[in-house]
Amino acid sequence: QAGGSLRLSCAASGSIFSVNGMGWYRQFP
């Protein structure tokens, strides 16, 4: 509901040497 909260998580896995910049994008219809 409006006024509420959510926490998004995003985990990288696989053949990773390192992870540099990370970010969140959103797409409206």
PDB file of all heavy atoms in Angstrom:
ATOM      1  N   GLN A   1       0.827  -1.199   0.000  1.00  0.00           N
ATOM      2  CA  GLN A   1       0.000   0.000   0.000  1.00  0.00           C
ATOM      3  C   GLN A   1       0.864   1.254   0.000  1.00  0.00           C
ATOM      4  O   GLN A   1       2.012   1.239   0.440  1.00  0.00           O
ATOM      5  CB  GLN A   1      -0.918   0.015   1.226  1.00  0.00           C
ATOM      6  CG  GLN A   1      -2.004  -1.036   1.206  1.00  0.00           C
ATOM      7  CD  GLN A   1      -2.952  -0.912   2.377  1.00  0.00           C
ATOM      8  OE1 GLN A   1      -2.522  -0.716   3.516  1.00  0.00           O
ATOM      9  NE2 GLN A   1      -4.242  -1.012   2.108  1.00  0.00           N
ATOM     10  N   ALA A   2       0.303   2.336  -0.501  1.00  0.00           N
ATOM     11  CA  ALA A   2       1.007   3.613  -0.493  1.00  0.00           C
ATOM     12  C   ALA A   2       1.471   3.940   0.923  1.00  0.00           C
ATOM     13  O   ALA A   2       0.723   3.776   1.885  1.00  0.00           O
ATOM     14  CB  ALA A   2       0.113   4.715  -1.025  1.00  0.00           C
ATOM     15  N   GLY A   3       2.714   4.397   1.019  1.00  0.00           N
ATOM     16  CA  GLY A   3       3.295   4.698   2.309  1.00  0.00           C
ATOM     17  C   GLY A   3       4.073   3.549   2.904  1.00  0.00           C
ATOM     18  O   GLY A   3       4.811   3.736   3.881  1.00  0.00           O
ATOM     19  N   GLY A   4       3.938   2.379   2.324  1.00  0.00           N
ATOM     20  CA  GLY A   4       4.622   1.203   2.826  1.00  0.00           C
ATOM     21  C   GLY A   4       6.046   1.097   2.324  1.00  0.00           C
ATOM     22  O   GLY A   4       6.552   1.983   1.633  1.00  0.00           O
ATOM     23  N   SER A   5       6.677  -0.024   2.666  1.00  0.00           N
ATOM     24  CA  SER A   5       8.077  -0.233   2.325  1.00  0.00           C
ATOM     25  C   SER A   5       8.319  -1.600   1.719  1.00  0.00           C
ATOM     26  O   SER A   5       7.597  -2.561   1.992  1.00  0.00           O
ATOM     27  CB  SER A   5       8.962  -0.098   3.572  1.00  0.00           C
ATOM     28  OG  SER A   5       8.874   1.189   4.145  1.00  0.00           O
ATOM     29  N   LEU A   6       9.346  -1.678   0.909  1.00  0.00           N
ATOM     30  CA  LEU A   6       9.823  -2.926   0.351  1.00  0.00           C
ATOM     31  C   LEU A   6      11.339  -2.858   0.287  1.00  0.00           C
ATOM     32  O   LEU A   6      11.909  -1.773   0.164  1.00  0.00           O
ATOM     33  CB  LEU A   6       9.280  -3.177  -1.059  1.00  0.00           C
ATOM     34  CG  LEU A   6       7.826  -3.597  -1.218  1.00  0.00           C
ATOM     35  CD1 LEU A   6       7.459  -3.617  -2.700  1.00  0.00           C
ATOM     36  CD2 LEU A   6       7.587  -4.970  -0.602  1.00  0.00           C
ATOM     37  N   ARG A   7      11.969  -4.011   0.360  1.00  0.00           N
ATOM     38  CA  ARG A   7      13.414  -4.079   0.214  1.00  0.00           C
ATOM     39  C   ARG A   7      13.761  -5.070  -0.884  1.00  0.00           C
ATOM     40  O   ARG A   7      13.468  -6.260  -0.769  1.00  0.00           O
ATOM     41  CB  ARG A   7      14.087  -4.507   1.513  1.00  0.00           C
ATOM     42  CG  ARG A   7      15.607  -4.331   1.488  1.00  0.00           C
ATOM     43  CD  ARG A   7      16.266  -4.980   2.680  1.00  0.00           C
ATOM     44  NE  ARG A   7      17.643  -4.555   2.843  1.00  0.00           N
ATOM     45  CZ  ARG A   7      18.609  -5.311   3.366  1.00  0.00           C
ATOM     46  NH1 ARG A   7      18.331  -6.532   3.791  1.00  0.00           N
ATOM     47  NH2 ARG A   7      19.834  -4.830   3.478  1.00  0.00           N
ATOM     48  N   LEU A   8      14.371  -4.585  -1.938  1.00  0.00           N
ATOM     49  CA  LEU A   8      14.778  -5.421  -3.047  1.00  0.00           C
ATOM     50  C   LEU A   8      16.212  -5.884  -2.847  1.00  0.00           C
ATOM     51  O   LEU A   8      17.053  -5.144  -2.347  1.00  0.00           O
ATOM     52  CB  LEU A   8      14.676  -4.663  -4.371  1.00  0.00           C
ATOM     53  CG  LEU A   8      13.336  -4.012  -4.717  1.00  0.00           C
ATOM     54  CD1 LEU A   8      13.415  -3.385  -6.104  1.00  0.00           C
ATOM     55  CD2 LEU A   8      12.208  -5.030  -4.640  1.00  0.00           C
ATOM     56  N   SER A   9      16.475  -7.110  -3.254  1.00  0.00           N
ATOM     57  CA  SER A   9      17.816  -7.667  -3.186  1.00  0.00           C
ATOM     58  C   SER A   9      18.203  -8.195  -4.553  1.00  0.00           C
ATOM     59  O   SER A   9      17.357  -8.662  -5.315  1.00  0.00           O
ATOM     60  CB  SER A   9      17.894  -8.807  -2.163  1.00  0.00           C
ATOM     61  OG  SER A   9      17.600  -8.358  -0.863  1.00  0.00           O
ATOM     62  N   CYS A  10      19.475  -8.145  -4.851  1.00  0.00           N
ATOM     63  CA  CYS A  10      19.984  -8.663  -6.112  1.00  0.00           C
ATOM     64  C   CYS A  10      21.362  -9.241  -5.869  1.00  0.00           C
ATOM     65  O   CYS A  10      22.287  -8.517  -5.493  1.00  0.00           O
ATOM     66  CB  CYS A  10      20.044  -7.556  -7.161  1.00  0.00           C
ATOM     67  SG  CYS A  10      20.806  -8.038  -8.720  1.00  0.00           S
ATOM     68  N   ALA A  11      21.496 -10.533  -6.084  1.00  0.00           N
ATOM     69  CA  ALA A  11      22.753 -11.219  -5.846  1.00  0.00           C
ATOM     70  C   ALA A  11      23.353 -11.735  -7.144  1.00  0.00           C
ATOM     71  O   ALA A  11      22.669 -12.384  -7.937  1.00  0.00           O
ATOM     72  CB  ALA A  11      22.547 -12.379  -4.876  1.00  0.00           C
ATOM     73  N   ALA A  12      24.609 -11.445  -7.344  1.00  0.00           N
ATOM     74  CA  ALA A  12      25.328 -11.930  -8.512  1.00  0.00           C
ATOM     75  C   ALA A  12      25.995 -13.259  -8.184  1.00  0.00           C
ATOM     76  O   ALA A  12      26.583 -13.422  -7.117  1.00  0.00           O
ATOM     77  CB  ALA A  12      26.378 -10.918  -8.957  1.00  0.00           C
ATOM     78  N   SER A  13      25.886 -14.191  -9.099  1.00  0.00           N
ATOM     79  CA  SER A  13      26.516 -15.485  -8.902  1.00  0.00           C
ATOM     80  C   SER A  13      27.069 -15.996 -10.226  1.00  0.00           C
ATOM     81  O   SER A  13      26.649 -15.565 -11.295  1.00  0.00           O
ATOM     82  CB  SER A  13      25.528 -16.502  -8.328  1.00  0.00           C
ATOM     83  OG  SER A  13      24.456 -16.736  -9.226  1.00  0.00           O
ATOM     84  N   GLY A  14      27.986 -16.933 -10.134  1.00  0.00           N
ATOM     85  CA  GLY A  14      28.602 -17.497 -11.319  1.00  0.00           C
ATOM     86  C   GLY A  14      30.101 -17.303 -11.313  1.00  0.00           C
ATOM     87  O   GLY A  14      30.719 -17.202 -10.257  1.00  0.00           O
ATOM     88  N   SER A  15      30.668 -17.266 -12.498  1.00  0.00           N
ATOM     89  CA  SER A  15      32.115 -17.115 -12.640  1.00  0.00           C
ATOM     90  C   SER A  15      32.498 -15.648 -12.523  1.00  0.00           C
ATOM     91  O   SER A  15      32.718 -14.960 -13.526  1.00  0.00           O
ATOM     92  CB  SER A  15      32.576 -17.701 -13.971  1.00  0.00           C
ATOM     93  OG  SER A  15      32.255 -19.078 -14.074  1.00  0.00           O
ATOM     94  N   ILE A  16      32.577 -15.182 -11.299  1.00  0.00           N
ATOM     95  CA  ILE A  16      32.830 -13.773 -11.020  1.00  0.00           C
ATOM     96  C   ILE A  16      34.228 -13.547 -10.478  1.00  0.00           C
ATOM     97  O   ILE A  16      34.635 -14.187  -9.512  1.00  0.00           O
ATOM     98  CB  ILE A  16      31.815 -13.230 -10.011  1.00  0.00           C
ATOM     99  CG1 ILE A  16      30.392 -13.390 -10.533  1.00  0.00           C
ATOM    100  CG2 ILE A  16      32.105 -11.768  -9.691  1.00  0.00           C
ATOM    101  CD1 ILE A  16      29.331 -13.084  -9.503  1.00  0.00           C
ATOM    102  N   PHE A  17      34.916 -12.630 -11.109  1.00  0.00           N
ATOM    103  CA  PHE A  17      36.204 -12.206 -10.594  1.00  0.00           C
ATOM    104  C   PHE A  17      35.986 -11.081  -9.582  1.00  0.00           C
ATOM    105  O   PHE A  17      36.552 -11.100  -8.491  1.00  0.00           O
ATOM    106  CB  PHE A  17      37.123 -11.747 -11.733  1.00  0.00           C
ATOM    107  CG  PHE A  17      38.462 -11.253 -11.270  1.00  0.00           C
ATOM    108  CD1 PHE A  17      39.450 -12.139 -10.892  1.00  0.00           C
ATOM    109  CD2 PHE A  17      38.739  -9.890 -11.218  1.00  0.00           C
ATOM    110  CE1 PHE A  17      40.688 -11.696 -10.467  1.00  0.00           C
ATOM    111  CE2 PHE A  17      39.975  -9.432 -10.796  1.00  0.00           C
ATOM    112  CZ  PHE A  17      40.951 -10.335 -10.414  1.00  0.00           C
ATOM    113  N   SER A  18      35.155 -10.128  -9.951  1.00  0.00           N
ATOM    114  CA  SER A  18      34.790  -9.040  -9.064  1.00  0.00           C
ATOM    115  C   SER A  18      33.577  -8.326  -9.638  1.00  0.00           C
ATOM    116  O   SER A  18      33.228  -8.500 -10.800  1.00  0.00           O
ATOM    117  CB  SER A  18      35.947  -8.057  -8.872  1.00  0.00           C
ATOM    118  OG  SER A  18      36.237  -7.375 -10.073  1.00  0.00           O
ATOM    119  N   VAL A  19      32.925  -7.517  -8.808  1.00  0.00           N
ATOM    120  CA  VAL A  19      31.788  -6.725  -9.233  1.00  0.00           C
ATOM    121  C   VAL A  19      32.084  -5.261  -8.957  1.00  0.00           C
ATOM    122  O   VAL A  19      32.453  -4.900  -7.843  1.00  0.00           O
ATOM    123  CB  VAL A  19      30.496  -7.135  -8.504  1.00  0.00           C
ATOM    124  CG1 VAL A  19      29.333  -6.254  -8.943  1.00  0.00           C
ATOM    125  CG2 VAL A  19      30.183  -8.595  -8.767  1.00  0.00           C
ATOM    126  N   ASN A  20      31.931  -4.443  -9.971  1.00  0.00           N
ATOM    127  CA  ASN A  20      32.181  -3.018  -9.821  1.00  0.00           C
ATOM    128  C   ASN A  20      30.865  -2.298  -9.496  1.00  0.00           C
ATOM    129  O   ASN A  20      30.211  -2.628  -8.519  1.00  0.00           O
ATOM    130  CB  ASN A  20      32.836  -2.464 -11.087  1.00  0.00           C
ATOM    131  CG  ASN A  20      33.618  -1.190 -10.837  1.00  0.00           C
ATOM    132  OD1 ASN A  20      33.065  -0.197 -10.367  1.00  0.00           O
ATOM    133  ND2 ASN A  20      34.898  -1.211 -11.151  1.00  0.00           N
ATOM    134  N   GLY A  21      30.487  -1.338 -10.304  1.00  0.00           N
ATOM    135  CA  GLY A  21      29.277  -0.590 -10.039  1.00  0.00           C
ATOM    136  C   GLY A  21      28.022  -1.440 -10.122  1.00  0.00           C
ATOM    137  O   GLY A  21      27.925  -2.351 -10.945  1.00  0.00           O
ATOM    138  N   MET A  22      27.049  -1.121  -9.272  1.00  0.00           N
ATOM    139  CA  MET A  22      25.770  -1.813  -9.269  1.00  0.00           C
ATOM    140  C   MET A  22      24.667  -0.764  -9.207  1.00  0.00           C
ATOM    141  O   MET A  22      24.880   0.347  -8.725  1.00  0.00           O
ATOM    142  CB  MET A  22      25.648  -2.775  -8.088  1.00  0.00           C
ATOM    143  CG  MET A  22      26.770  -3.802  -7.999  1.00  0.00           C
ATOM    144  SD  MET A  22      26.544  -5.018  -6.670  1.00  0.00           S
ATOM    145  CE  MET A  22      25.427  -6.175  -7.480  1.00  0.00           C
ATOM    146  N   GLY A  23      23.510  -1.135  -9.705  1.00  0.00           N
ATOM    147  CA  GLY A  23      22.427  -0.176  -9.690  1.00  0.00           C
ATOM    148  C   GLY A  23      21.074  -0.805  -9.891  1.00  0.00           C
ATOM    149  O   GLY A  23      20.956  -2.001 -10.179  1.00  0.00           O
ATOM    150  N   TRP A  24      20.063   0.023  -9.708  1.00  0.00           N
ATOM    151  CA  TRP A  24      18.683  -0.382  -9.912  1.00  0.00           C
ATOM    152  C   TRP A  24      18.036   0.507 -10.956  1.00  0.00           C
ATOM    153  O   TRP A  24      18.193   1.728 -10.919  1.00  0.00           O
ATOM    154  CB  TRP A  24      17.880  -0.298  -8.609  1.00  0.00           C
ATOM    155  CG  TRP A  24      18.266  -1.336  -7.606  1.00  0.00           C
ATOM    156  CD1 TRP A  24      19.168  -1.214  -6.593  1.00  0.00           C
ATOM    157  CD2 TRP A  24      17.751  -2.665  -7.524  1.00  0.00           C
ATOM    158  NE1 TRP A  24      19.251  -2.384  -5.884  1.00  0.00           N
ATOM    159  CE2 TRP A  24      18.394  -3.293  -6.433  1.00  0.00           C
ATOM    160  CE3 TRP A  24      16.813  -3.392  -8.262  1.00  0.00           C
ATOM    161  CZ2 TRP A  24      18.127  -4.612  -6.060  1.00  0.00           C
ATOM    162  CZ3 TRP A  24      16.549  -4.704  -7.890  1.00  0.00           C
ATOM    163  CH2 TRP A  24      17.198  -5.292  -6.805  1.00  0.00           C
ATOM    164  N   TYR A  25      17.336  -0.110 -11.874  1.00  0.00           N
ATOM    165  CA  TYR A  25      16.569   0.578 -12.894  1.00  0.00           C
ATOM    166  C   TYR A  25      15.110   0.170 -12.756  1.00  0.00           C
ATOM    167  O   TYR A  25      14.799  -0.862 -12.178  1.00  0.00           O
ATOM    168  CB  TYR A  25      17.056   0.198 -14.294  1.00  0.00           C
ATOM    169  CG  TYR A  25      18.443   0.694 -14.639  1.00  0.00           C
ATOM    170  CD1 TYR A  25      19.572   0.160 -14.043  1.00  0.00           C
ATOM    171  CD2 TYR A  25      18.620   1.703 -15.597  1.00  0.00           C
ATOM    172  CE1 TYR A  25      20.842   0.606 -14.365  1.00  0.00           C
ATOM    173  CE2 TYR A  25      19.889   2.153 -15.932  1.00  0.00           C
ATOM    174  CZ  TYR A  25      20.989   1.601 -15.316  1.00  0.00           C
ATOM    175  OH  TYR A  25      22.246   2.049 -15.651  1.00  0.00           O
ATOM    176  N   ARG A  26      14.231   0.983 -13.307  1.00  0.00           N
ATOM    177  CA  ARG A  26      12.834   0.586 -13.344  1.00  0.00           C
ATOM    178  C   ARG A  26      12.247   0.926 -14.702  1.00  0.00           C
ATOM    179  O   ARG A  26      12.721   1.824 -15.398  1.00  0.00           O
ATOM    180  CB  ARG A  26      12.018   1.243 -12.224  1.00  0.00           C
ATOM    181  CG  ARG A  26      11.908   2.757 -12.294  1.00  0.00           C
ATOM    182  CD  ARG A  26      11.202   3.269 -11.048  1.00  0.00           C
ATOM    183  NE  ARG A  26      11.121   4.716 -11.014  1.00  0.00           N
ATOM    184  CZ  ARG A  26      10.672   5.413  -9.977  1.00  0.00           C
ATOM    185  NH1 ARG A  26      10.264   4.790  -8.878  1.00  0.00           N
ATOM    186  NH2 ARG A  26      10.632   6.739 -10.035  1.00  0.00           N
ATOM    187  N   GLN A  27      11.233   0.181 -15.060  1.00  0.00           N
ATOM    188  CA  GLN A  27      10.599   0.354 -16.356  1.00  0.00           C
ATOM    189  C   GLN A  27       9.089   0.403 -16.185  1.00  0.00           C
ATOM    190  O   GLN A  27       8.479  -0.534 -15.679  1.00  0.00           O
ATOM    191  CB  GLN A  27      10.994  -0.778 -17.302  1.00  0.00           C
ATOM    192  CG  GLN A  27      10.524  -0.594 -18.730  1.00  0.00           C
ATOM    193  CD  GLN A  27      11.196  -1.557 -19.686  1.00  0.00           C
ATOM    194  OE1 GLN A  27      11.646  -2.630 -19.279  1.00  0.00           O
ATOM    195  NE2 GLN A  27      11.277  -1.179 -20.944  1.00  0.00           N
ATOM    196  N   PHE A  28       8.522   1.518 -16.602  1.00  0.00           N
ATOM    197  CA  PHE A  28       7.077   1.664 -16.605  1.00  0.00           C
ATOM    198  C   PHE A  28       6.549   1.118 -17.923  1.00  0.00           C
ATOM    199  O   PHE A  28       7.253   1.130 -18.937  1.00  0.00           O
ATOM    200  CB  PHE A  28       6.678   3.129 -16.447  1.00  0.00           C
ATOM    201  CG  PHE A  28       7.267   3.794 -15.240  1.00  0.00           C
ATOM    202  CD1 PHE A  28       8.242   4.769 -15.376  1.00  0.00           C
ATOM    203  CD2 PHE A  28       6.852   3.452 -13.963  1.00  0.00           C
ATOM    204  CE1 PHE A  28       8.788   5.390 -14.268  1.00  0.00           C
ATOM    205  CE2 PHE A  28       7.399   4.062 -12.846  1.00  0.00           C
ATOM    206  CZ  PHE A  28       8.370   5.036 -12.997  1.00  0.00           C
ATOM    207  N   PRO A  29       5.303   0.637 -17.960  1.00  0.00           N
ATOM    208  CA  PRO A  29       4.745   0.084 -19.195  1.00  0.00           C
ATOM    209  C   PRO A  29       4.851   1.065 -20.355  1.00  0.00           C
ATOM    210  O   PRO A  29       4.474   2.234 -20.234  1.00  0.00           O
ATOM    211  CB  PRO A  29       3.288  -0.188 -18.821  1.00  0.00           C
ATOM    212  CG  PRO A  29       3.331  -0.455 -17.353  1.00  0.00           C
ATOM    213  CD  PRO A  29       4.359   0.521 -16.829  1.00  0.00           C
TER     214      PRO A  29
END
